[in-house]
Amino acid sequence: MARATLSAAIEGMILSGFLAVAPMVAWGQAGPTGGFGAGPSGAASPYGGAFLGGSGPAPLPSAQAGDGRLVQAELSAPAPGSLPGASLVESLNRALERAIGQTAAKPQTNALIAPAAAPAPSPVVVELFTSQGCSACPPADAALAKVAARPDVLALSLHVDYWDYLGWEDPFAQPAFTARQKAYARAAGLRTLYTPQVIVAGTQSLVSPADPELDAAIATAAAAPPVVAMTVSRGAEPGQFAIDLSAPRPLKQGTVVQIVRYVPQARVEILRGENAGQVLDFANVVTAWHAVADWDGKAPVRLKAKIEGEDPAVVIVQTALPGKTVPLPGAILAAGWLR
């Protein structure tokens, strides 16, 4: 019988799905001097060294698939260290707790069911790594706002923090989002970060894309045959959801199930820095990125989530690529809104 656990209570801006640990060279735009981790005069930045490490609380839950047969199991959140075997994202969860100094989302008891479902196209996930302190970013912010209105696109704006020292501290920036961008670079074998950078479906990287280039990348991702079927249904209580996942053919690599919260619209007057004097609009600004479970992609699974607050929420199923210390983000296999 398969066993799975899930931590899905959403309580704050705590987690980022994937994190990298090695310092990297930064800036695609000729802006800040020095490499990533260097300040205006080459001084060490607090984000230039290793981000994470050490031990922490219990690992994130896993949804193991067994031998691929239809399964049903009862599960409950384990006490620290009680889950047999190492979770796919155990090191990620421990590192997050040490790095951010927060507690993990509260675990819940969930039922695991095996519904049969054929894959249907998911919205294409478009992630924009941007900053209010980057003069090249406003056109990319506007481009993201355009595609965010499309029903076939799930657009997310992640604000990085490595421009903050230039005179304007981006209120939406989080070190975890910088770490996610670094993880994408590590997964691609790159040692340079760019802002603005767009990642489409977890695999295509675009730097300062024009509208036609972004539209073409979205079309390419949408044309790929879906390999994971995901359905989202409401529970009996407000904010409760069931997430059903299945794969007609067992996946070759494990995945991480993530829940993301965002603010649909924001307008900010920039008082200092490269964009001083401008009033900028932003769409789908991410406030929290929670890695809530890992799934091996073999047997169908049902995960239950409890969402609190008014901010919209989405669920993303993403391939977890092997990394030296933590998993790295790969292709996004399914996505949808929790509404």
Protein backbone atom coordinates (compact mmCIF):
# COMPACT_ATOMS: atom_id res chain seq x y z
CA MET A 1 0.00 0.00 0.00
CA ALA A 2 1.35 3.38 -0.91
CA ARG A 3 2.16 5.88 1.80
CA ALA A 4 2.11 9.63 1.45
CA THR A 5 2.20 12.66 3.64
CA LEU A 6 1.39 16.26 2.93
CA SER A 7 1.98 19.64 4.52
CA ALA A 8 -0.34 22.07 2.79
CA ALA A 9 -1.47 24.74 5.24
CA ILE A 10 -0.46 28.09 3.81
CA GLU A 11 0.58 30.50 6.53
CA GLY A 12 2.99 33.07 5.17
CA MET A 13 5.83 33.95 2.87
CA ILE A 14 8.04 31.06 3.88
CA LEU A 15 9.12 28.61 1.21
CA SER A 16 10.60 28.62 -2.27
CA GLY A 17 10.31 25.49 -4.35
CA PHE A 18 13.96 25.03 -5.24
CA LEU A 19 17.08 26.63 -3.89
CA ALA A 20 20.68 26.80 -5.07
CA VAL A 21 23.67 27.09 -2.80
CA ALA A 22 26.67 28.19 -4.84
CA PRO A 23 27.51 31.82 -5.55
CA MET A 24 27.16 32.81 -9.19
CA VAL A 25 28.01 35.74 -11.44
CA ALA A 26 25.03 38.07 -11.86
CA TRP A 27 23.43 40.80 -13.93
CA GLY A 28 22.69 40.38 -17.60
CA GLN A 29 22.05 44.09 -17.91
CA ALA A 30 25.10 46.29 -17.62
CA GLY A 31 24.04 47.74 -14.32
CA PRO A 32 25.60 46.86 -10.98
CA THR A 33 29.36 46.54 -10.99
CA GLY A 34 31.08 43.34 -10.04
CA GLY A 35 29.72 39.82 -10.11
CA PHE A 36 26.86 38.33 -8.16
CA GLY A 37 27.64 38.82 -4.52
CA ALA A 38 29.48 42.06 -5.14
CA GLY A 39 28.27 45.45 -4.01
CA PRO A 40 28.77 48.74 -5.81
CA SER A 41 32.46 48.78 -5.06
CA GLY A 42 33.02 45.03 -5.10
CA ALA A 43 32.22 44.58 -1.43
CA ALA A 44 30.83 41.22 -0.42
CA SER A 45 27.06 40.96 -0.60
CA PRO A 46 25.11 38.95 1.99
CA TYR A 47 23.80 36.86 -0.89
CA GLY A 48 27.14 36.14 -2.52
CA GLY A 49 28.05 33.08 -0.48
CA ALA A 50 26.39 29.77 0.25
CA PHE A 51 22.72 30.26 1.05
CA LEU A 52 21.75 27.13 2.87
CA GLY A 53 22.84 24.20 4.90
CA GLY A 54 22.58 22.44 8.21
CA SER A 55 19.71 20.59 9.75
CA GLY A 56 16.12 21.51 10.53
CA PRO A 57 12.68 20.09 11.18
CA ALA A 58 10.98 17.12 9.58
CA PRO A 59 11.35 16.60 5.81
CA LEU A 60 8.68 17.62 3.37
CA PRO A 61 6.12 14.90 2.68
CA SER A 62 6.25 12.41 -0.13
CA ALA A 63 3.61 10.73 -2.23
CA GLN A 64 5.16 7.41 -3.14
CA ALA A 65 3.63 5.48 -5.99
CA GLY A 66 4.54 1.86 -5.34
CA ASP A 67 4.34 -0.41 -8.37
CA GLY A 68 2.06 1.80 -10.44
CA ARG A 69 -1.22 0.09 -9.55
CA LEU A 70 -4.34 1.88 -8.42
CA VAL A 71 -3.83 2.52 -4.71
CA GLN A 72 -5.56 3.97 -1.70
CA ALA A 73 -3.94 4.78 1.60
CA GLU A 74 -4.48 6.74 4.77
CA LEU A 75 -1.75 9.11 5.74
CA SER A 76 -0.90 11.45 8.52
CA ALA A 77 1.89 13.91 9.09
CA PRO A 78 4.90 12.17 10.64
CA ALA A 79 6.78 13.27 13.68
CA PRO A 80 10.24 14.65 12.85
CA GLY A 81 12.36 11.91 11.36
CA SER A 82 9.61 9.28 11.34
CA LEU A 83 9.05 9.06 7.57
CA PRO A 84 10.95 6.00 6.28
CA GLY A 85 13.64 6.86 3.76
CA ALA A 86 14.84 10.25 2.61
CA SER A 87 12.23 12.54 1.05
CA LEU A 88 13.11 13.96 -2.35
CA VAL A 89 13.01 17.46 -0.91
CA GLU A 90 14.22 16.74 2.61
CA SER A 91 17.38 18.78 2.21
CA LEU A 92 15.40 21.61 0.65
CA ASN A 93 13.04 21.82 3.59
CA ARG A 94 15.80 21.71 6.17
CA ALA A 95 17.79 24.34 4.35
CA LEU A 96 14.78 26.63 4.09
CA GLU A 97 14.10 26.43 7.79
CA ARG A 98 17.69 27.32 8.63
CA ALA A 99 17.93 30.06 6.02
CA ILE A 100 14.68 31.86 6.68
CA GLY A 101 14.18 31.07 10.35
CA GLN A 102 10.52 30.17 9.94
CA THR A 103 8.53 27.06 10.78
CA ALA A 104 7.17 24.74 8.12
CA ALA A 105 3.52 24.67 7.13
CA LYS A 106 1.42 22.68 9.57
CA PRO A 107 0.85 19.09 8.42
CA GLN A 108 -2.64 17.73 7.92
CA THR A 109 -4.15 14.28 7.69
CA ASN A 110 -5.06 13.52 4.09
CA ALA A 111 -6.57 10.70 2.07
CA LEU A 112 -4.72 9.35 -0.94
CA ILE A 113 -7.00 8.12 -3.71
CA ALA A 114 -6.29 6.94 -7.23
CA PRO A 115 -8.64 8.55 -9.73
CA ALA A 116 -8.28 7.71 -13.41
CA ALA A 117 -7.80 10.74 -15.63
CA ALA A 118 -6.38 11.37 -19.08
CA PRO A 119 -3.92 14.26 -19.31
CA ALA A 120 -5.41 17.53 -20.47
CA PRO A 121 -3.40 20.63 -21.37
CA SER A 122 -2.38 22.75 -18.41
CA PRO A 123 -1.83 26.49 -18.55
CA VAL A 124 1.74 27.35 -19.48
CA VAL A 125 3.66 28.65 -16.47
CA VAL A 126 5.62 31.83 -17.23
CA GLU A 127 7.99 33.03 -14.49
CA LEU A 128 9.49 36.51 -14.71
CA PHE A 129 12.50 37.31 -12.53
CA THR A 130 12.46 41.07 -12.18
CA SER A 131 13.27 43.99 -9.88
CA GLN A 132 11.93 47.47 -9.30
CA GLY A 133 15.53 48.66 -9.17
CA CYS A 134 16.42 47.40 -12.67
CA SER A 135 15.97 49.94 -15.48
CA ALA A 136 15.59 47.19 -18.11
CA CYS A 137 12.76 45.47 -16.24
CA PRO A 138 9.65 47.67 -16.78
CA PRO A 139 9.14 46.49 -20.41
CA ALA A 140 9.32 42.87 -19.21
CA ASP A 141 6.85 43.65 -16.42
CA ALA A 142 4.47 45.04 -19.03
CA ALA A 143 4.93 41.96 -21.25
CA LEU A 144 4.10 39.67 -18.35
CA ALA A 145 0.95 41.67 -17.60
CA LYS A 146 -0.21 41.08 -21.17
CA VAL A 147 0.18 37.30 -21.06
CA ALA A 148 -1.23 37.16 -17.51
CA ALA A 149 -4.63 38.00 -18.99
CA ARG A 150 -4.60 34.86 -21.15
CA PRO A 151 -6.57 31.84 -19.87
CA ASP A 152 -3.92 29.45 -21.21
CA VAL A 153 -1.07 31.11 -19.28
CA LEU A 154 -0.23 31.11 -15.59
CA ALA A 155 2.04 34.14 -15.25
CA LEU A 156 4.08 34.76 -12.10
CA SER A 157 6.32 37.70 -11.23
CA LEU A 158 9.18 36.87 -8.85
CA HIS A 159 11.13 39.89 -7.57
CA VAL A 160 14.80 39.28 -6.84
CA ASP A 161 16.75 41.17 -4.20
CA TYR A 162 20.20 41.65 -5.71
CA TRP A 163 19.36 45.11 -7.09
CA ASP A 164 18.24 46.47 -3.74
CA TYR A 165 21.56 48.06 -2.78
CA LEU A 166 21.48 50.49 -5.72
CA GLY A 167 19.22 52.90 -3.86
CA TRP A 168 15.77 51.33 -4.01
CA GLU A 169 14.77 48.31 -1.95
CA ASP A 170 12.11 46.37 -3.84
CA PRO A 171 9.32 45.64 -1.32
CA PHE A 172 8.32 42.51 -3.25
CA ALA A 173 11.81 41.01 -3.38
CA GLN A 174 12.70 37.88 -1.44
CA PRO A 175 16.04 36.04 -1.20
CA ALA A 176 14.15 32.81 -1.91
CA PHE A 177 13.19 34.08 -5.37
CA THR A 178 16.81 34.97 -6.11
CA ALA A 179 17.71 31.45 -5.01
CA ARG A 180 15.11 29.96 -7.34
CA GLN A 181 16.55 31.90 -10.27
CA LYS A 182 20.02 30.69 -9.33
CA ALA A 183 18.73 27.13 -9.23
CA TYR A 184 17.41 27.44 -12.78
CA ALA A 185 20.84 28.65 -13.87
CA ARG A 186 22.52 25.74 -12.13
CA ALA A 187 20.11 23.29 -13.77
CA ALA A 188 21.07 24.74 -17.17
CA GLY A 189 24.79 24.64 -16.38
CA LEU A 190 25.08 28.44 -16.46
CA ARG A 191 26.99 30.78 -14.17
CA THR A 192 25.25 34.03 -15.05
CA LEU A 193 21.95 35.54 -13.93
CA TYR A 194 20.02 38.05 -15.99
CA THR A 195 17.31 40.53 -15.12
CA PRO A 196 14.81 40.56 -16.52
CA GLN A 197 14.70 36.83 -17.24
CA VAL A 198 11.66 34.77 -18.21
CA ILE A 199 11.43 31.00 -17.69
CA VAL A 200 8.65 29.32 -19.70
CA ALA A 201 7.37 25.91 -18.53
CA GLY A 202 10.51 25.44 -16.42
CA THR A 203 12.69 24.82 -19.47
CA GLN A 204 12.87 27.78 -21.87
CA SER A 205 14.95 30.78 -20.79
CA LEU A 206 14.41 34.21 -22.36
CA VAL A 207 16.32 37.38 -21.53
CA SER A 208 14.37 40.65 -21.93
CA PRO A 209 12.00 39.00 -24.41
CA ALA A 210 9.93 41.01 -26.87
CA ASP A 211 6.25 40.12 -27.14
CA PRO A 212 6.61 37.92 -30.28
CA GLU A 213 9.47 35.95 -28.73
CA LEU A 214 7.50 35.35 -25.53
CA ASP A 215 4.39 34.37 -27.48
CA ALA A 216 6.42 31.88 -29.52
CA ALA A 217 7.89 30.28 -26.41
CA ILE A 218 4.44 29.92 -24.87
CA ALA A 219 3.14 28.33 -28.09
CA THR A 220 6.03 25.85 -28.09
CA ALA A 221 5.31 24.84 -24.50
CA ALA A 222 1.58 24.55 -25.13
CA ALA A 223 2.21 22.22 -28.08
CA ALA A 224 4.07 19.66 -25.96
CA PRO A 225 1.92 16.58 -25.17
CA PRO A 226 0.84 16.59 -21.49
CA VAL A 227 2.30 13.78 -19.41
CA VAL A 228 0.54 14.45 -16.08
CA ALA A 229 -3.20 14.72 -15.51
CA MET A 230 -4.19 17.09 -12.74
CA THR A 231 -7.65 17.99 -11.53
CA VAL A 232 -8.51 20.38 -8.71
CA SER A 233 -11.81 20.18 -6.84
CA ARG A 234 -13.22 22.15 -3.92
CA GLY A 235 -13.72 20.56 -0.54
CA ALA A 236 -16.69 20.87 1.79
CA GLU A 237 -15.19 23.78 3.72
CA PRO A 238 -14.04 27.15 2.36
CA GLY A 239 -10.42 27.03 1.25
CA GLN A 240 -10.28 23.24 1.07
CA PHE A 241 -9.13 21.62 -2.16
CA ALA A 242 -8.35 18.14 -3.45
CA ILE A 243 -5.56 17.82 -6.01
CA ASP A 244 -5.65 14.62 -8.08
CA LEU A 245 -2.47 13.66 -9.95
CA SER A 246 -1.86 10.77 -12.31
CA ALA A 247 0.47 9.84 -15.16
CA PRO A 248 -0.60 7.33 -17.84
CA ARG A 249 3.07 6.41 -18.19
CA PRO A 250 5.21 6.37 -15.05
CA LEU A 251 7.49 9.37 -14.87
CA LYS A 252 11.21 8.83 -15.19
CA GLN A 253 12.00 11.42 -12.52
CA GLY A 254 10.29 12.49 -9.33
CA THR A 255 8.41 15.74 -8.96
CA VAL A 256 7.76 18.40 -6.37
CA VAL A 257 4.22 19.68 -5.82
CA GLN A 258 4.22 23.40 -5.03
CA ILE A 259 1.57 25.90 -3.98
CA VAL A 260 2.16 29.54 -4.92
CA ARG A 261 0.37 32.64 -3.62
CA TYR A 262 0.36 35.95 -5.46
CA VAL A 263 -1.13 39.45 -5.59
CA PRO A 264 -2.90 39.99 -8.95
CA GLN A 265 -2.07 43.70 -9.33
CA ALA A 266 0.20 46.24 -7.69
CA ARG A 267 1.22 49.83 -8.47
CA VAL A 268 4.37 51.31 -6.96
CA GLU A 269 5.92 54.78 -7.15
CA ILE A 270 9.69 54.38 -7.35
CA LEU A 271 11.44 57.10 -5.38
CA ARG A 272 15.11 56.15 -5.80
CA GLY A 273 17.41 54.02 -7.89
CA GLU A 274 17.51 53.46 -11.64
CA ASN A 275 13.73 53.82 -12.04
CA ALA A 276 13.36 56.86 -9.77
CA GLY A 277 10.34 59.00 -10.59
CA GLN A 278 8.39 56.26 -12.36
CA VAL A 279 5.09 54.73 -11.30
CA LEU A 280 5.20 51.04 -12.25
CA ASP A 281 2.45 48.46 -12.52
CA PHE A 282 3.01 44.79 -11.76
CA ALA A 283 0.90 41.70 -12.40
CA ASN A 284 0.71 38.47 -10.38
CA VAL A 285 3.40 39.37 -7.86
CA VAL A 286 4.39 36.21 -5.99
CA THR A 287 4.28 36.52 -2.21
CA ALA A 288 4.92 32.89 -1.18
CA TRP A 289 6.20 29.72 -2.83
CA HIS A 290 5.57 26.54 -0.84
CA ALA A 291 7.01 23.12 -1.69
CA VAL A 292 4.31 20.96 -0.11
CA ALA A 293 4.92 17.38 -1.29
CA ASP A 294 7.01 15.24 -3.57
CA TRP A 295 5.42 12.69 -5.91
CA ASP A 296 7.26 9.93 -7.76
CA GLY A 297 4.85 10.02 -10.71
CA LYS A 298 3.96 6.34 -10.72
CA ALA A 299 0.63 5.69 -8.99
CA PRO A 300 -2.21 8.25 -8.98
CA VAL A 301 -2.45 10.29 -5.82
CA ARG A 302 -4.88 12.71 -4.19
CA LEU A 303 -3.51 15.50 -2.02
CA LYS A 304 -5.65 17.72 0.16
CA ALA A 305 -4.76 21.36 0.76
CA LYS A 306 -6.17 24.05 3.02
CA ILE A 307 -5.76 27.59 1.71
CA GLU A 308 -6.23 30.61 3.98
CA GLY A 309 -6.48 34.27 3.06
CA GLU A 310 -7.72 36.12 0.00
CA ASP A 311 -4.65 36.02 -2.26
CA PRO A 312 -5.03 33.71 -5.28
CA ALA A 313 -3.26 30.37 -5.16
CA VAL A 314 -1.98 28.01 -7.82
CA VAL A 315 -0.52 24.50 -7.74
CA ILE A 316 2.50 23.55 -9.83
CA VAL A 317 3.93 20.06 -10.41
CA GLN A 318 7.58 20.33 -11.45
CA THR A 319 10.29 17.81 -12.25
CA ALA A 320 12.98 17.67 -9.58
CA LEU A 321 16.40 17.35 -11.15
CA PRO A 322 19.29 15.97 -9.11
CA GLY A 323 21.56 18.61 -7.62
CA LYS A 324 24.67 18.48 -5.47
CA THR A 325 22.86 19.48 -2.28
CA VAL A 326 19.20 20.15 -3.15
CA PRO A 327 16.90 19.30 -6.08
CA LEU A 328 16.95 21.69 -9.02
CA PRO A 329 13.89 22.85 -10.98
CA GLY A 330 13.12 21.07 -14.22
CA ALA A 331 10.18 20.93 -16.60
CA ILE A 332 6.79 21.97 -15.24
CA LEU A 333 4.45 19.06 -15.96
CA ALA A 334 1.11 20.41 -14.72
CA ALA A 335 -0.32 23.57 -13.22
CA GLY A 336 -3.66 25.03 -12.25
CA TRP A 337 -5.51 27.49 -10.06
CA LEU A 338 -6.93 26.68 -6.64
CA ARG A 339 -10.26 28.47 -6.86
